[in-house]
Amino acid sequence: MYANVVAARRLGAGRALSAAAPPPRWAKSATIIAAGKTASRRCTSPSQSPLNILALETSSPWCSVALWLQGRIFATEELAGQRHSELLLPMVDALLKEAGVDLRSMQVAAFGAGPGSFTGLRIACGVAQGLAAGADLQTVGVGTLAAIAQASGASRVFACLDARMGEVYCAAYERDVKGWRIVHPPQLCTPERTPALSGPDWTAAGSGFAAHGAVLGQRYDGQIAHIQPDLHPHAREIAILGAELARQGMTVPPEQAHPLYLRDHVALTIEERRARAHAASEPGGR
C-alpha cells in the first residue's frame, strides 16, 4: 500500500506541464452525495468554470479509471480480481495519454470512498492521495452506493452490495430536479434487516441482489419494479458525482482524504457467526 502512494506521488510530481487551475467561484446551489452524506453548497455549471477530474474506483473486483474533462468523460475498466494495486497506476497513465492531457491539468482526484472491499478502498484512497500530493490537486471521496444509483438511470434506487459474511451494504436514494436525496444512508446489515422502503416503483441495483435475491425479493415484495444485479461501482459515475461535489466546494487536501468503512473488523469469529445466524433465525429477526 505504501509503495502505491509513493509511486503515485512520483507520477504526480513527474507530470509538470501546467499548474493546477485556481479554485473557481461558485454561482448556484445543488445537492449531491459524498460518501454517504448529503451536502449543499454554491456551485456553477461546467461551461462557466473549467473543471477537470481524475476518478479512481477499486472497491469491487473491477478496477476503473475515468477523466472528467469539462463535461467530457473518458473511462476504462478491467476485471482485476486482486490485482488493483498492480493495474491502477498504469491504467491512469494510459488514460491520460489517450485523452491527451497531463495530470497537472486536473484540479481534483476523486475516488470511490466506500463502502466496499477494505483493501480496495485503501488502494483508491491512497493512490488518489499520492497523485494529488504530487500534482498539487484537491481530493474528494464519492460514495460507491451513490455511484450505483447514478449508474442505474432510475430515480428511486435501492443500492445493495454483497458484503460477504452473510451481510450487505445498502442505501436508498431518490432523485429530483436538485439531484440525489438520501432516503436511507449507507449501512451494513443482514439481508433480513435491510431498511424499509416507502411505496412501489423502486429500482434495485447491485451485487446484493445477485447474492441474496430470494430474501431481498421477499422483503420488498411489490415494491421493486426493476432489478439490475450486475451493476457495480465505476469510476465514470465517481467522476460525474465528483464533479458535482467539487462545484459545491466539498474537496479536501489529500492528507484529509479517507475511505468510508462500515465494518469495524474484517473477520468474524466462529462464535460471532453462530450468534448472528441464531439471531437471524429468531422470530422477528427480519
Protein backbone atom coordinates (compact mmCIF):
# COMPACT_ATOMS: atom_id res chain seq x y z
CA MET A 1 0.00 0.00 0.00
CA TYR A 2 2.80 2.41 0.93
CA ALA A 3 4.55 1.61 -2.35
CA ASN A 4 1.40 2.61 -4.26
CA VAL A 5 1.29 6.01 -2.54
CA VAL A 6 4.98 6.66 -3.19
CA ALA A 7 4.63 5.66 -6.85
CA ALA A 8 1.55 7.86 -7.19
CA ARG A 9 3.39 10.82 -5.68
CA ARG A 10 6.22 10.33 -8.17
CA LEU A 11 3.81 10.07 -11.09
CA GLY A 12 2.06 13.25 -9.99
CA ALA A 13 5.26 15.16 -9.37
CA GLY A 14 6.72 13.98 -12.66
CA ARG A 15 3.96 15.50 -14.77
CA ALA A 16 4.74 19.21 -14.76
CA LEU A 17 3.20 20.72 -17.89
CA SER A 18 0.71 23.21 -16.48
CA ALA A 19 -0.12 24.40 -12.98
CA ALA A 20 -3.42 23.36 -11.46
CA ALA A 21 -6.17 25.91 -12.02
CA PRO A 22 -7.22 28.02 -9.00
CA PRO A 23 -10.47 27.09 -7.26
CA PRO A 24 -13.46 28.51 -9.16
CA ARG A 25 -16.04 30.84 -7.64
CA TRP A 26 -19.44 29.18 -7.41
CA ALA A 27 -22.74 30.62 -8.68
CA LYS A 28 -25.80 28.46 -7.95
CA SER A 29 -26.88 25.75 -5.48
CA ALA A 30 -27.05 21.98 -5.90
CA THR A 31 -27.26 18.82 -3.80
CA ILE A 32 -25.16 15.71 -4.18
CA ILE A 33 -23.94 12.73 -2.17
CA ALA A 34 -20.43 12.38 -0.74
CA ALA A 35 -19.55 9.06 0.89
CA GLY A 36 -23.00 8.73 2.41
CA LYS A 37 -23.63 12.38 3.34
CA THR A 38 -25.88 14.97 1.74
CA ALA A 39 -24.19 18.33 1.23
CA SER A 40 -25.44 21.63 -0.17
CA ARG A 41 -23.00 24.24 -1.46
CA ARG A 42 -22.80 27.05 -4.01
CA CYS A 43 -21.85 25.79 -7.46
CA THR A 44 -21.59 26.63 -11.14
CA SER A 45 -22.04 24.87 -14.46
CA PRO A 46 -19.08 23.25 -16.29
CA SER A 47 -19.34 25.87 -19.05
CA GLN A 48 -18.74 28.69 -16.55
CA SER A 49 -15.69 27.29 -14.72
CA PRO A 50 -13.24 24.77 -16.21
CA LEU A 51 -13.15 21.59 -14.15
CA ASN A 52 -11.03 18.51 -14.84
CA ILE A 53 -11.18 15.44 -12.60
CA LEU A 54 -9.31 12.15 -12.37
CA ALA A 55 -11.53 9.44 -10.84
CA LEU A 56 -10.45 6.08 -9.39
CA GLU A 57 -12.61 3.14 -8.30
CA THR A 58 -11.26 -0.12 -6.81
CA SER A 59 -13.88 -1.14 -4.23
CA SER A 60 -15.04 -4.25 -6.12
CA PRO A 61 -13.32 -6.95 -8.22
CA TRP A 62 -13.33 -4.36 -11.03
CA CYS A 63 -10.70 -1.65 -11.40
CA SER A 64 -11.69 1.50 -13.27
CA VAL A 65 -10.32 4.95 -14.07
CA ALA A 66 -12.14 7.92 -15.58
CA LEU A 67 -11.44 11.50 -16.59
CA TRP A 68 -13.99 14.31 -16.42
CA LEU A 69 -12.71 16.99 -18.79
CA GLN A 70 -15.10 19.93 -18.54
CA GLY A 71 -18.04 17.57 -19.08
CA ARG A 72 -16.40 15.12 -21.48
CA ILE A 73 -15.74 11.67 -20.00
CA PHE A 74 -13.00 9.18 -20.81
CA ALA A 75 -13.13 5.86 -18.96
CA THR A 76 -11.51 2.44 -18.83
CA GLU A 77 -12.14 -0.67 -16.75
CA GLU A 78 -10.59 -4.09 -16.14
CA LEU A 79 -11.65 -7.11 -14.12
CA ALA A 80 -8.81 -7.03 -11.63
CA GLY A 81 -9.58 -9.72 -9.08
CA GLN A 82 -6.83 -8.99 -6.54
CA ARG A 83 -4.58 -7.05 -8.95
CA HIS A 84 -5.87 -3.50 -8.35
CA SER A 85 -2.55 -2.21 -6.97
CA GLU A 86 -0.73 -3.63 -10.00
CA LEU A 87 -3.16 -2.26 -12.59
CA LEU A 88 -4.30 1.11 -11.29
CA LEU A 89 -1.34 3.42 -11.99
CA PRO A 90 -0.67 2.02 -15.49
CA MET A 91 -4.38 2.49 -16.26
CA VAL A 92 -4.19 6.12 -15.07
CA ASP A 93 -1.13 6.77 -17.21
CA ALA A 94 -2.70 5.14 -20.29
CA LEU A 95 -5.97 7.05 -19.99
CA LEU A 96 -4.19 10.39 -19.57
CA LYS A 97 -2.21 9.67 -22.74
CA GLU A 98 -5.35 8.60 -24.61
CA ALA A 99 -7.12 11.83 -23.65
CA GLY A 100 -4.04 13.90 -24.47
CA VAL A 101 -3.90 15.61 -21.08
CA ASP A 102 -1.45 15.90 -18.21
CA LEU A 103 -2.16 15.10 -14.58
CA ARG A 104 -1.40 18.68 -13.60
CA SER A 105 -4.22 19.86 -15.83
CA MET A 106 -6.60 18.20 -13.36
CA GLN A 107 -8.00 20.11 -10.40
CA VAL A 108 -9.36 17.15 -8.38
CA ALA A 109 -8.59 13.48 -7.75
CA ALA A 110 -11.87 11.69 -6.95
CA PHE A 111 -12.07 8.17 -5.56
CA GLY A 112 -14.68 5.60 -4.62
CA ALA A 113 -14.73 6.07 -0.84
CA GLY A 114 -16.89 3.08 0.03
CA PRO A 115 -18.42 1.01 1.28
CA GLY A 116 -16.69 -1.93 -0.35
CA SER A 117 -13.59 -4.10 -0.16
CA PHE A 118 -11.38 -2.98 2.73
CA THR A 119 -8.18 -3.34 0.71
CA GLY A 120 -9.75 -1.87 -2.42
CA LEU A 121 -10.90 1.25 -0.60
CA ARG A 122 -7.41 1.80 0.80
CA ILE A 123 -5.86 1.43 -2.66
CA ALA A 124 -8.10 4.02 -4.35
CA CYS A 125 -7.80 6.48 -1.48
CA GLY A 126 -4.04 6.03 -1.15
CA VAL A 127 -3.35 6.41 -4.85
CA ALA A 128 -5.64 9.47 -5.04
CA GLN A 129 -3.74 10.98 -2.12
CA GLY A 130 -0.37 10.26 -3.71
CA LEU A 131 -1.32 11.64 -7.12
CA ALA A 132 -2.97 14.70 -5.58
CA ALA A 133 0.01 15.45 -3.34
CA GLY A 134 2.46 15.10 -6.21
CA ALA A 135 0.45 17.22 -8.65
CA ASP A 136 -0.98 19.76 -6.17
CA LEU A 137 -4.60 18.64 -6.54
CA GLN A 138 -7.56 18.53 -4.18
CA THR A 139 -9.35 15.24 -3.44
CA VAL A 140 -12.96 14.15 -2.99
CA GLY A 141 -14.42 10.83 -1.84
CA VAL A 142 -17.63 9.65 -3.51
CA GLY A 143 -19.97 7.04 -2.05
CA THR A 144 -19.94 3.78 -4.00
CA LEU A 145 -23.64 3.13 -3.38
CA ALA A 146 -24.44 6.60 -4.71
CA ALA A 147 -22.37 5.74 -7.79
CA ILE A 148 -24.50 2.64 -8.33
CA ALA A 149 -27.64 4.75 -8.03
CA GLN A 150 -26.25 7.15 -10.62
CA ALA A 151 -25.40 4.28 -12.97
CA SER A 152 -28.88 2.74 -12.74
CA GLY A 153 -30.56 5.53 -14.69
CA ALA A 154 -33.55 5.37 -12.32
CA SER A 155 -34.97 8.00 -9.98
CA ARG A 156 -35.77 5.74 -6.98
CA VAL A 157 -32.91 3.36 -6.25
CA PHE A 158 -32.19 0.83 -3.54
CA ALA A 159 -28.46 0.15 -3.97
CA CYS A 160 -27.23 -3.05 -2.36
CA LEU A 161 -23.78 -4.65 -2.48
CA ASP A 162 -22.81 -8.10 -1.22
CA ALA A 163 -20.60 -7.52 1.83
CA ARG A 164 -19.79 -11.22 2.32
CA MET A 165 -20.22 -12.98 5.67
CA GLY A 166 -24.00 -13.01 5.19
CA GLU A 167 -24.29 -9.21 5.13
CA VAL A 168 -24.93 -6.43 2.63
CA TYR A 169 -24.01 -2.77 2.23
CA CYS A 170 -27.12 -0.84 1.26
CA ALA A 171 -28.63 2.63 0.87
CA ALA A 172 -31.70 4.15 -0.74
CA TYR A 173 -31.81 7.29 -2.89
CA GLU A 174 -34.37 9.39 -4.73
CA ARG A 175 -33.54 11.88 -7.48
CA ASP A 176 -35.37 15.11 -8.21
CA VAL A 177 -34.52 18.28 -10.14
CA LYS A 178 -31.95 19.25 -7.50
CA GLY A 179 -30.09 15.95 -7.57
CA TRP A 180 -29.92 12.89 -5.34
CA ARG A 181 -31.55 12.80 -1.91
CA ILE A 182 -30.62 10.18 0.68
CA VAL A 183 -33.63 8.17 1.87
CA HIS A 184 -31.55 5.70 3.90
CA PRO A 185 -27.81 6.34 4.40
CA PRO A 186 -25.22 3.63 3.70
CA GLN A 187 -25.33 0.87 6.28
CA LEU A 188 -24.13 -2.68 6.93
CA CYS A 189 -26.75 -5.26 7.85
CA THR A 190 -28.06 -8.73 7.11
CA PRO A 191 -30.45 -9.07 4.13
CA GLU A 192 -33.28 -9.73 6.59
CA ARG A 193 -32.73 -6.39 8.34
CA THR A 194 -32.38 -4.01 5.40
CA PRO A 195 -34.33 -0.73 5.80
CA ALA A 196 -37.99 -0.42 4.86
CA LEU A 197 -38.86 1.34 1.60
CA SER A 198 -41.88 3.55 1.04
CA GLY A 199 -44.16 2.86 -1.91
CA PRO A 200 -43.61 0.99 -5.20
CA ASP A 201 -41.51 1.55 -8.35
CA TRP A 202 -38.06 1.15 -6.82
CA THR A 203 -35.09 0.00 -8.89
CA ALA A 204 -32.88 -2.50 -7.08
CA ALA A 205 -29.23 -2.37 -8.11
CA GLY A 206 -26.03 -4.11 -7.14
CA SER A 207 -24.48 -7.46 -6.28
CA GLY A 208 -26.54 -7.80 -3.11
CA PHE A 209 -29.45 -8.88 -5.29
CA ALA A 210 -27.29 -11.46 -7.07
CA ALA A 211 -26.17 -12.94 -3.74
CA HIS A 212 -29.37 -12.56 -1.69
CA GLY A 213 -32.08 -12.13 -4.30
CA ALA A 214 -34.60 -14.51 -2.71
CA VAL A 215 -34.50 -12.88 0.73
CA LEU A 216 -34.50 -9.32 -0.61
CA GLY A 217 -37.21 -10.12 -3.15
CA GLN A 218 -39.46 -11.39 -0.38
CA ARG A 219 -38.68 -8.44 1.88
CA TYR A 220 -39.57 -5.88 -0.82
CA ASP A 221 -42.35 -7.84 -2.48
CA GLY A 222 -44.46 -5.50 -4.62
CA GLN A 223 -42.06 -2.55 -4.23
CA ILE A 224 -39.27 -3.44 -6.67
CA ALA A 225 -40.09 -2.68 -10.30
CA HIS A 226 -36.67 -3.41 -11.81
CA ILE A 227 -33.56 -5.28 -10.71
CA GLN A 228 -30.04 -4.59 -12.01
CA PRO A 229 -27.93 -7.14 -10.07
CA ASP A 230 -24.83 -6.75 -12.26
CA LEU A 231 -24.22 -3.05 -11.54
CA HIS A 232 -21.01 -2.29 -9.67
CA PRO A 233 -19.28 0.98 -8.76
CA HIS A 234 -17.46 2.51 -11.74
CA ALA A 235 -15.06 5.45 -12.00
CA ARG A 236 -17.34 7.01 -14.63
CA GLU A 237 -20.02 7.72 -12.01
CA ILE A 238 -17.36 8.63 -9.44
CA ALA A 239 -16.24 11.33 -11.90
CA ILE A 240 -19.79 12.59 -12.52
CA LEU A 241 -20.68 12.82 -8.84
CA GLY A 242 -17.20 14.06 -8.00
CA ALA A 243 -17.69 16.97 -10.39
CA GLU A 244 -20.85 17.99 -8.54
CA LEU A 245 -19.07 17.75 -5.19
CA ALA A 246 -16.18 19.84 -6.49
CA ARG A 247 -18.63 22.53 -7.64
CA GLN A 248 -20.10 22.53 -4.15
CA GLY A 249 -16.71 23.16 -2.60
CA MET A 250 -16.59 19.71 -0.96
CA THR A 251 -12.99 18.87 -1.89
CA VAL A 252 -10.27 18.44 0.73
CA PRO A 253 -6.45 18.40 0.73
CA PRO A 254 -5.00 14.92 0.11
CA GLU A 255 -3.97 14.42 3.73
CA GLN A 256 -7.62 14.75 4.79
CA ALA A 257 -8.99 12.15 2.35
CA HIS A 258 -10.27 8.94 3.91
CA PRO A 259 -12.41 5.91 2.98
CA LEU A 260 -15.87 5.10 4.35
CA TYR A 261 -15.59 1.93 6.43
CA LEU A 262 -18.87 0.42 7.65
CA ARG A 263 -17.40 -2.78 9.07
CA ASP A 264 -15.28 -2.49 12.22
CA HIS A 265 -13.31 -5.64 11.50
CA VAL A 266 -12.94 -7.90 8.51
CA ALA A 267 -13.19 -11.39 10.00
CA LEU A 268 -15.86 -12.80 12.29
CA THR A 269 -15.03 -15.40 14.91
CA ILE A 270 -16.86 -18.73 14.86
CA GLU A 271 -18.83 -17.61 17.92
CA GLU A 272 -19.86 -14.34 16.22
CA ARG A 273 -21.04 -16.20 13.13
CA ARG A 274 -23.10 -18.60 15.22
CA ALA A 275 -24.62 -15.75 17.24
CA ARG A 276 -25.52 -13.84 14.09
CA ALA A 277 -27.08 -16.90 12.44
CA HIS A 278 -29.08 -17.62 15.61
CA ALA A 279 -30.35 -14.00 15.82
CA ALA A 280 -31.47 -14.10 12.16
CA SER A 281 -33.42 -17.32 12.75
CA GLU A 282 -35.30 -15.95 15.76
CA PRO A 283 -38.93 -14.75 15.30
CA GLY A 284 -38.87 -11.06 14.45
CA GLY A 285 -35.27 -11.30 13.27
CA ARG A 286 -36.20 -9.88 9.85
